[in-house]
Amino acid sequence: MDLNQTPLANRTHIAFFGIRNAGKSSIMNALTNQNIAVVSPIKGTTTDPVHKAMELLPLGPVNIIDTAGLDDIGELGKLRIEKTKQILNKTDIAILVIDATLDFTDFDRDILKLITDKNIPYIVAYNKVDLVPDFKPQNENIKQYVYISAKEKTGIEELKSKLVQVAKTKQEKFILKDIVNPKDTVVLVIPIDKAAPKGRLILPQQQVIRELLDIGATAIMTQDDNLENTLANLKTKPKLIITDSQVFGKVNKIVPQDIELTSFSILFSRYKGDLKRQVNAVKILDTIQDDDKILIAEGCTHHRQCDDIGTVKLPNWIKNYTKANPEFIFTSGTEFPNDLSKYKLIIHCGGCMLNQAEMQSRLKKAHEQNIPMSNYGTTIAYIHGILNRTLHVFSDF
C-alpha cells in the first residue's frame, strides 16, 4: 500500500483553526503547494471544513483540514463554528493561525483552550508578519510557534519543520507487534457473506495482514466453513486465530483451547480505543431491562443488508442474552451524540474508519458522562461466554 492509498483513518490529521481572514486557507495552500482552498479577502470564504488527503514530506501521508472562521456570524455562522469545533475530535495536530495585525483575539483564546483541554499538540502560526515588521506576540506561553507571511511565502518551511517535531512526540501504536513474532503462523477467519464487500477485504483485515507481513509472520486466510480443514492441514500449531466477531461462537467450538483466539474488532479496540474500559463496560449487559436505551454506533456508512451485524445480529444476540426488550438507537459515520445521558450502554464498532483521535474523543465523551461504552467484539465474546479466552493473548489481561 503506497502513501497515496493510505486509508484516511491512518493519516495524520492536521487541522487549521483561527478567525475569519487570518489566512488559514492561504497558509494551507502554501504548505501543500496546491490551491486546495478558495482564497479571497472576503471574510467567511471558507464555510465548511475542506479536507485534502495527500503526502506531505517529510511527514508522509496526511489529511489536511481547513475550517471556517471562529468568529463567523449569523445562524449559519453558528452552525459553521460548531462544525469547526467538531473537527477537533479528529485532529492529531492543530495549527492555530493568528492574524499578527490583531494578535490573539478572544475567539483564538477560546479555541486554544479547547485544543489544550483535549491535549492536542498544536503550533501557533502568526500570519501577516510582513504587515507588522516588529511584531512581538502578547502570549509568552506558546512553546511551538512560527512567524509566517502567506503572501510572501515566508515561514512555510519552518512550519513544516515544526510539524515534524510535533509529530515525533506522538507514540506509534501497533496492532500485533507485541503479540506475534517473526515466523509465527496466524490464521485469519474471514467470512464471505452478504455483508462482505465484493472483490476486496475490509480495512481491518487489510491492516492486520500488512502488519503480519511487516513482522515477518505467516498469515493464512480461510472462511469459517473451512477453518477445521485448514487447521488439520497445518504442520505446526498456529500462534493465534483472529476471527470476524460475528462467527465467534462457531470458531470457538472449532479452535482447540491451547490456541489463542481473538477478533479483529477486539484488536482494534486495543489499537484505537481503550480495551480495558470497554471490557468493563460490557458487563452492564447483565443489568439491561425492558426499554433501556442502547446506542449502537458505527464509524462508517454503508448499505445495510438484511442480516447486518450492527442493526440485526447484535440486537438479536443482546435480546436473547438479556431476556429483555431494550430500545436500540443507531448512528453511523460522523454522527455521534453530544448528550449521551439517556443511554444505558454504548456499543461501538472497531472504528477502523475513524482515526485514533476521534475514537478516543468518543470514549472520553462517554466516560465524562459516566456512560459505559463497549465495542462489537467484546460484546459478542461476552454474550458467547468466551471473553476471557479472547483476552488471554494480551499480556495485561
Protein backbone atom coordinates (compact mmCIF):
# COMPACT_ATOMS: atom_id res chain seq x y z
CA MET A 1 0.00 0.00 0.00
CA ASP A 2 1.67 3.26 -1.10
CA LEU A 3 1.22 6.64 0.55
CA ASN A 4 -1.49 7.72 -1.88
CA GLN A 5 -3.54 4.64 -0.95
CA THR A 6 -3.14 5.05 2.81
CA PRO A 7 -6.63 4.96 4.40
CA LEU A 8 -7.86 8.26 5.83
CA ALA A 9 -8.05 6.75 9.31
CA ASN A 10 -4.29 6.04 9.25
CA ARG A 11 -3.22 9.52 8.15
CA THR A 12 -2.01 12.26 10.45
CA HIS A 13 -4.89 14.76 10.64
CA ILE A 14 -3.59 18.34 10.58
CA ALA A 15 -6.30 21.00 11.05
CA PHE A 16 -6.15 24.78 10.68
CA PHE A 17 -8.12 26.97 13.10
CA GLY A 18 -8.48 30.74 13.51
CA ILE A 19 -10.72 33.73 12.93
CA ARG A 20 -12.02 34.78 9.52
CA ASN A 21 -9.42 36.27 7.19
CA ALA A 22 -6.49 35.27 9.43
CA GLY A 23 -5.00 33.45 6.44
CA LYS A 24 -5.78 29.81 7.25
CA SER A 25 -6.57 28.89 3.65
CA SER A 26 -3.58 30.80 2.28
CA ILE A 27 -1.18 29.02 4.65
CA MET A 28 -2.79 25.67 3.87
CA ASN A 29 -2.29 26.26 0.13
CA ALA A 30 1.31 27.36 0.69
CA LEU A 31 2.05 24.39 2.96
CA THR A 32 0.69 21.89 0.44
CA ASN A 33 1.89 23.84 -2.61
CA GLN A 34 -1.60 23.38 -4.05
CA ASN A 35 -4.66 25.59 -4.43
CA ILE A 36 -6.81 23.39 -2.23
CA ALA A 37 -8.89 26.07 -0.53
CA VAL A 38 -10.53 29.10 -2.14
CA VAL A 39 -8.79 32.30 -1.01
CA SER A 40 -10.26 35.80 -1.05
CA PRO A 41 -10.14 38.97 1.08
CA ILE A 42 -13.84 38.50 1.87
CA LYS A 43 -14.43 37.26 5.42
CA GLY A 44 -16.05 33.83 5.69
CA THR A 45 -14.88 32.46 2.32
CA THR A 46 -14.37 29.03 3.89
CA THR A 47 -17.80 27.85 5.03
CA ASP A 48 -17.43 24.08 5.55
CA PRO A 49 -14.35 22.05 6.50
CA VAL A 50 -12.14 21.37 3.47
CA HIS A 51 -10.21 18.07 3.51
CA LYS A 52 -7.20 17.09 1.42
CA ALA A 53 -5.57 13.68 1.72
CA MET A 54 -2.02 13.86 0.41
CA GLU A 55 1.63 13.12 1.07
CA LEU A 56 3.38 15.95 2.87
CA LEU A 57 7.12 15.38 3.01
CA PRO A 58 8.80 14.63 5.30
CA LEU A 59 5.70 13.78 7.39
CA GLY A 60 4.26 11.21 5.00
CA PRO A 61 0.53 10.57 4.45
CA VAL A 62 -1.60 13.31 6.00
CA ASN A 63 -5.13 14.66 5.92
CA ILE A 64 -5.09 18.48 5.84
CA ILE A 65 -8.25 20.21 7.07
CA ASP A 66 -9.21 23.87 6.62
CA THR A 67 -12.05 25.18 8.78
CA ALA A 68 -14.48 28.08 8.92
CA GLY A 69 -13.60 31.18 10.95
CA LEU A 70 -14.24 31.04 14.66
CA ASP A 71 -15.81 34.50 14.57
CA ASP A 72 -18.37 33.63 11.89
CA ILE A 73 -21.69 35.42 12.31
CA GLY A 74 -25.42 34.73 11.94
CA GLU A 75 -27.34 31.49 12.35
CA LEU A 76 -25.36 29.79 9.58
CA GLY A 77 -22.19 31.09 11.18
CA LYS A 78 -23.08 29.33 14.45
CA LEU A 79 -23.51 26.06 12.57
CA ARG A 80 -20.16 26.55 10.82
CA ILE A 81 -18.42 27.24 14.13
CA GLU A 82 -19.95 24.05 15.57
CA LYS A 83 -18.63 22.11 12.56
CA THR A 84 -15.21 23.66 13.14
CA LYS A 85 -15.21 22.58 16.79
CA GLN A 86 -16.24 19.05 15.78
CA ILE A 87 -13.06 18.81 13.70
CA LEU A 88 -11.11 18.94 16.98
CA ASN A 89 -12.37 15.42 17.70
CA LYS A 90 -10.31 14.01 14.85
CA THR A 91 -7.33 16.39 14.95
CA ASP A 92 -3.86 14.95 15.58
CA ILE A 93 -2.03 18.28 15.22
CA ALA A 94 -3.71 21.70 15.35
CA ILE A 95 -2.38 24.82 13.67
CA LEU A 96 -3.84 27.96 15.20
CA VAL A 97 -3.44 30.83 12.74
CA ILE A 98 -3.21 34.24 14.40
CA ASP A 99 -3.58 37.49 12.47
CA ALA A 100 -0.42 39.33 13.56
CA THR A 101 -2.12 42.69 12.98
CA LEU A 102 -4.60 41.75 15.73
CA ASP A 103 -2.62 39.25 17.81
CA PHE A 104 -4.72 36.89 19.99
CA THR A 105 -8.45 37.61 19.99
CA ASP A 106 -10.98 36.19 22.44
CA PHE A 107 -12.01 33.69 19.73
CA ASP A 108 -8.41 32.48 19.46
CA ARG A 109 -8.11 32.12 23.22
CA ASP A 110 -11.33 30.10 23.36
CA ILE A 111 -10.24 27.64 20.68
CA LEU A 112 -6.76 27.33 22.19
CA LYS A 113 -8.36 26.34 25.48
CA LEU A 114 -10.40 23.65 23.70
CA ILE A 115 -7.24 22.42 21.98
CA THR A 116 -5.27 22.21 25.23
CA ASP A 117 -8.20 20.67 27.14
CA LYS A 118 -8.21 17.86 24.57
CA ASN A 119 -4.40 17.50 24.84
CA ILE A 120 -3.99 18.08 21.11
CA PRO A 121 -0.43 19.01 20.09
CA TYR A 122 -0.50 22.42 18.43
CA ILE A 123 1.52 25.09 16.65
CA VAL A 124 0.66 28.78 16.62
CA ALA A 125 1.27 30.38 13.23
CA TYR A 126 1.48 34.18 13.42
CA ASN A 127 0.49 35.25 9.91
CA LYS A 128 0.81 38.62 8.14
CA VAL A 129 4.08 39.49 9.87
CA ASP A 130 5.01 41.33 6.66
CA LEU A 131 2.49 43.97 7.78
CA VAL A 132 3.96 44.17 11.30
CA PRO A 133 7.77 44.20 10.90
CA ASP A 134 8.46 44.50 14.65
CA PHE A 135 5.79 42.03 15.71
CA LYS A 136 6.13 40.55 19.19
CA PRO A 137 3.34 38.26 20.46
CA GLN A 138 1.43 39.05 23.64
CA ASN A 139 1.19 35.40 24.64
CA GLU A 140 4.59 34.38 26.02
CA ASN A 141 3.49 30.83 26.97
CA ILE A 142 3.37 29.41 23.45
CA LYS A 143 6.14 26.81 23.04
CA GLN A 144 5.70 25.92 19.37
CA TYR A 145 5.18 28.92 17.12
CA VAL A 146 6.29 30.30 13.78
CA TYR A 147 6.15 33.67 12.04
CA ILE A 148 4.60 33.48 8.58
CA SER A 149 3.75 35.69 5.66
CA ALA A 150 1.44 33.64 3.48
CA LYS A 151 1.52 36.48 0.96
CA GLU A 152 5.32 36.36 0.62
CA LYS A 153 5.55 32.59 1.25
CA THR A 154 7.93 33.02 4.19
CA GLY A 155 7.98 30.78 7.25
CA ILE A 156 6.40 27.82 5.44
CA GLU A 157 9.47 25.59 5.63
CA GLU A 158 9.81 26.39 9.32
CA LEU A 159 6.16 25.40 9.80
CA LYS A 160 6.91 22.05 8.14
CA SER A 161 9.86 21.53 10.49
CA LYS A 162 7.66 22.31 13.49
CA LEU A 163 5.06 19.81 12.26
CA VAL A 164 7.73 17.10 12.06
CA GLN A 165 8.90 17.91 15.61
CA VAL A 166 5.36 17.74 16.98
CA ALA A 167 4.54 14.55 15.05
CA LYS A 168 7.58 12.79 16.55
CA THR A 169 6.13 13.28 20.04
CA LYS A 170 3.15 11.07 19.18
CA GLN A 171 3.71 7.47 20.21
CA GLU A 172 3.29 4.97 17.39
CA LYS A 173 0.84 2.17 18.15
CA PHE A 174 0.71 -1.32 16.71
CA ILE A 175 -1.98 -3.93 16.26
CA LEU A 176 0.04 -7.12 16.73
CA LYS A 177 3.77 -6.42 17.09
CA ASP A 178 3.82 -7.11 20.83
CA ILE A 179 1.89 -10.36 20.39
CA VAL A 180 3.22 -12.03 17.27
CA ASN A 181 6.86 -12.84 16.50
CA PRO A 182 8.68 -13.42 13.20
CA LYS A 183 7.94 -16.87 11.67
CA ASP A 184 4.78 -17.30 13.78
CA THR A 185 1.71 -18.54 11.92
CA VAL A 186 -1.55 -16.63 12.33
CA VAL A 187 -4.85 -17.85 10.88
CA LEU A 188 -7.39 -15.20 9.85
CA VAL A 189 -11.03 -16.30 9.70
CA ILE A 190 -12.83 -14.12 7.17
CA PRO A 191 -16.47 -14.98 6.43
CA ILE A 192 -17.64 -14.15 2.92
CA ASP A 193 -21.32 -13.38 3.36
CA LYS A 194 -23.79 -10.81 2.02
CA ALA A 195 -22.12 -8.05 4.04
CA ALA A 196 -18.64 -8.77 2.69
CA PRO A 197 -17.58 -6.23 0.03
CA LYS A 198 -17.35 -7.89 -3.36
CA GLY A 199 -13.82 -8.36 -4.64
CA ARG A 200 -11.98 -6.92 -1.63
CA LEU A 201 -11.24 -7.25 2.06
CA ILE A 202 -12.40 -4.75 4.65
CA LEU A 203 -9.88 -2.36 6.18
CA PRO A 204 -9.16 -4.19 9.50
CA GLN A 205 -8.35 -7.36 7.58
CA GLN A 206 -6.05 -5.47 5.21
CA GLN A 207 -4.23 -3.76 8.06
CA VAL A 208 -3.76 -6.97 10.05
CA ILE A 209 -2.38 -8.78 7.01
CA ARG A 210 0.03 -5.94 6.26
CA GLU A 211 1.32 -5.80 9.83
CA LEU A 212 1.82 -9.57 9.91
CA LEU A 213 3.90 -9.27 6.75
CA ASP A 214 5.91 -6.42 8.31
CA ILE A 215 6.55 -8.60 11.37
CA GLY A 216 7.72 -11.49 9.20
CA ALA A 217 4.93 -13.81 10.30
CA THR A 218 2.87 -16.10 8.10
CA ALA A 219 -0.76 -15.14 7.51
CA ILE A 220 -3.19 -17.86 6.44
CA MET A 221 -6.70 -16.80 5.43
CA THR A 222 -9.75 -19.03 5.42
CA GLN A 223 -13.52 -18.87 5.79
CA ASP A 224 -15.26 -20.15 8.89
CA ASP A 225 -16.71 -23.10 6.94
CA ASN A 226 -13.18 -24.24 6.05
CA LEU A 227 -11.44 -23.49 9.34
CA GLU A 228 -11.46 -27.04 10.68
CA ASN A 229 -9.89 -28.35 7.49
CA THR A 230 -7.32 -25.55 7.46
CA LEU A 231 -6.17 -26.31 11.00
CA ALA A 232 -5.96 -30.01 10.25
CA ASN A 233 -3.65 -29.37 7.32
CA LEU A 234 -1.19 -27.21 9.25
CA LYS A 235 2.04 -28.97 10.25
CA THR A 236 2.60 -26.67 13.22
CA LYS A 237 0.15 -25.16 15.66
CA PRO A 238 -0.68 -21.52 14.83
CA LYS A 239 0.26 -18.84 17.34
CA LEU A 240 -3.10 -17.13 17.06
CA ILE A 241 -6.52 -17.27 15.41
CA ILE A 242 -8.10 -13.91 14.53
CA THR A 243 -11.73 -14.08 13.51
CA ASP A 244 -14.55 -11.83 12.46
CA SER A 245 -16.53 -11.34 15.68
CA GLN A 246 -19.86 -12.37 14.19
CA VAL A 247 -18.68 -16.02 13.91
CA PHE A 248 -17.11 -16.11 17.39
CA GLY A 249 -19.44 -18.85 18.62
CA LYS A 250 -18.74 -21.17 15.69
CA VAL A 251 -14.98 -20.52 15.63
CA ASN A 252 -14.64 -21.02 19.40
CA LYS A 253 -16.03 -24.55 19.09
CA ILE A 254 -13.55 -25.42 16.34
CA VAL A 255 -10.33 -23.92 17.74
CA PRO A 256 -8.59 -26.06 20.42
CA GLN A 257 -8.27 -24.38 23.82
CA ASP A 258 -4.47 -24.38 23.64
CA ILE A 259 -4.55 -21.97 20.66
CA GLU A 260 -5.06 -18.27 21.32
CA LEU A 261 -8.22 -16.75 19.87
CA THR A 262 -9.34 -13.14 19.45
CA SER A 263 -11.11 -10.97 16.86
CA PHE A 264 -10.39 -8.08 14.52
CA SER A 265 -12.79 -5.89 16.48
CA ILE A 266 -11.08 -6.58 19.81
CA LEU A 267 -7.68 -5.90 18.26
CA PHE A 268 -8.93 -2.54 17.01
CA SER A 269 -10.46 -1.71 20.38
CA ARG A 270 -6.98 -2.13 21.82
CA TYR A 271 -5.31 -0.32 18.89
CA LYS A 272 -7.51 2.79 18.77
CA GLY A 273 -9.68 2.70 21.86
CA ASP A 274 -9.40 1.61 25.47
CA LEU A 275 -9.83 -2.15 25.68
CA LYS A 276 -9.85 -2.39 29.47
CA ARG A 277 -12.57 0.22 29.79
CA GLN A 278 -14.61 -1.40 27.02
CA VAL A 279 -14.26 -4.82 28.65
CA ASN A 280 -15.55 -3.44 31.95
CA ALA A 281 -18.41 -1.65 30.18
CA VAL A 282 -19.83 -4.78 28.58
CA LYS A 283 -20.76 -6.20 31.98
CA ILE A 284 -23.65 -3.71 32.11
CA LEU A 285 -25.47 -6.16 29.82
CA ASP A 286 -26.32 -8.17 32.94
CA THR A 287 -28.48 -5.29 34.19
CA ILE A 288 -30.30 -4.39 30.95
CA GLN A 289 -34.08 -4.17 31.31
CA ASP A 290 -37.04 -3.51 29.03
CA ASP A 291 -36.96 -0.07 27.38
CA ASP A 292 -33.36 0.68 28.38
CA LYS A 293 -31.76 2.61 25.54
CA ILE A 294 -28.67 1.11 23.88
CA LEU A 295 -26.72 3.16 21.32
CA ILE A 296 -25.06 1.12 18.58
CA ALA A 297 -22.54 3.34 16.80
CA GLU A 298 -20.51 2.72 13.66
CA GLY A 299 -17.70 4.84 12.30
CA CYS A 300 -18.58 4.27 8.66
CA THR A 301 -21.67 4.42 6.48
CA HIS A 302 -22.64 1.51 4.29
CA HIS A 303 -25.66 -0.10 2.69
CA ARG A 304 -27.45 -2.22 5.29
CA GLN A 305 -28.03 -5.87 4.47
CA CYS A 306 -30.90 -7.97 5.78
CA ASP A 307 -28.52 -9.69 8.23
CA ASP A 308 -26.45 -6.60 9.08
CA ILE A 309 -24.32 -7.17 12.17
CA GLY A 310 -24.96 -3.76 13.77
CA THR A 311 -28.68 -3.37 13.21
CA VAL A 312 -29.83 -7.00 13.11
CA LYS A 313 -27.45 -9.62 14.56
CA LEU A 314 -26.14 -7.66 17.53
CA PRO A 315 -29.58 -6.51 18.77
CA ASN A 316 -30.90 -10.07 18.47
CA TRP A 317 -27.95 -11.50 20.40
CA ILE A 318 -28.43 -8.88 23.13
CA LYS A 319 -32.16 -9.62 23.41
CA ASN A 320 -31.51 -13.35 23.65
CA TYR A 321 -28.81 -12.85 26.27
CA THR A 322 -30.63 -10.31 28.47
CA LYS A 323 -34.14 -11.77 28.04
CA ALA A 324 -35.22 -8.12 27.84
CA ASN A 325 -36.54 -5.82 25.15
CA PRO A 326 -34.30 -2.72 25.16
CA GLU A 327 -34.63 0.13 22.67
CA PHE A 328 -31.82 0.33 20.13
CA ILE A 329 -30.68 3.61 18.56
CA PHE A 330 -28.24 3.55 15.64
CA THR A 331 -25.71 6.11 14.43
CA SER A 332 -23.08 5.90 11.70
CA GLY A 333 -20.27 7.89 10.14
CA THR A 334 -19.59 11.26 11.75
CA GLU A 335 -22.84 11.13 13.73
CA PHE A 336 -22.24 10.70 17.45
CA PRO A 337 -24.46 12.42 20.04
CA ASN A 338 -23.08 15.09 22.32
CA ASP A 339 -25.61 14.23 25.02
CA LEU A 340 -25.32 10.54 25.93
CA SER A 341 -27.22 10.70 29.20
CA LYS A 342 -30.26 8.75 28.01
CA TYR A 343 -28.26 5.63 27.12
CA LYS A 344 -27.67 2.70 29.45
CA LEU A 345 -24.91 1.36 27.22
CA ILE A 346 -23.00 2.30 24.05
CA ILE A 347 -21.65 -0.39 21.75
CA HIS A 348 -19.23 0.88 19.11
CA CYS A 349 -17.74 -0.84 16.09
CA GLY A 350 -13.98 -1.37 15.89
CA GLY A 351 -13.59 2.14 14.47
CA CYS A 352 -11.41 1.18 11.52
CA MET A 353 -12.69 4.17 9.51
CA LEU A 354 -12.04 6.62 12.37
CA ASN A 355 -8.60 7.85 13.31
CA GLN A 356 -7.40 7.22 16.83
CA ALA A 357 -8.07 10.82 17.90
CA GLU A 358 -11.77 10.58 17.02
CA MET A 359 -12.18 7.16 18.62
CA GLN A 360 -10.52 8.42 21.80
CA SER A 361 -12.74 11.52 21.72
CA ARG A 362 -15.88 9.40 21.66
CA LEU A 363 -14.64 7.24 24.52
CA LYS A 364 -13.76 10.32 26.55
CA LYS A 365 -17.19 11.83 25.94
CA ALA A 366 -18.87 8.65 27.21
CA HIS A 367 -16.54 8.44 30.21
CA GLU A 368 -17.15 12.07 31.19
CA GLN A 369 -20.91 11.44 31.12
CA ASN A 370 -20.49 8.17 33.05
CA ILE A 371 -22.00 6.07 30.26
CA PRO A 372 -20.34 2.65 29.74
CA MET A 373 -19.05 2.16 26.19
CA SER A 374 -18.03 -1.22 24.83
CA ASN A 375 -17.44 -2.45 21.29
CA TYR A 376 -18.72 -5.13 18.93
CA GLY A 377 -16.03 -7.73 19.59
CA THR A 378 -16.05 -7.56 23.38
CA THR A 379 -19.87 -7.60 23.43
CA ILE A 380 -20.20 -10.62 21.16
CA ALA A 381 -17.46 -12.51 23.02
CA TYR A 382 -19.15 -11.74 26.38
CA ILE A 383 -22.54 -12.91 25.13
CA HIS A 384 -20.97 -16.19 23.94
CA GLY A 385 -19.18 -16.66 27.27
CA ILE A 386 -15.69 -16.55 25.78
CA LEU A 387 -14.50 -13.03 26.61
CA ASN A 388 -11.73 -14.22 28.95
CA ARG A 389 -10.44 -16.55 26.27
CA THR A 390 -10.32 -13.79 23.65
CA LEU A 391 -8.32 -11.52 26.01
CA HIS A 392 -5.79 -14.14 27.13
CA VAL A 393 -3.38 -13.32 24.31
CA PHE A 394 -2.82 -9.82 25.71
CA SER A 395 -0.21 -9.61 28.47
CA ASP A 396 -2.14 -7.02 30.50
CA PHE A 397 -5.24 -9.22 30.94
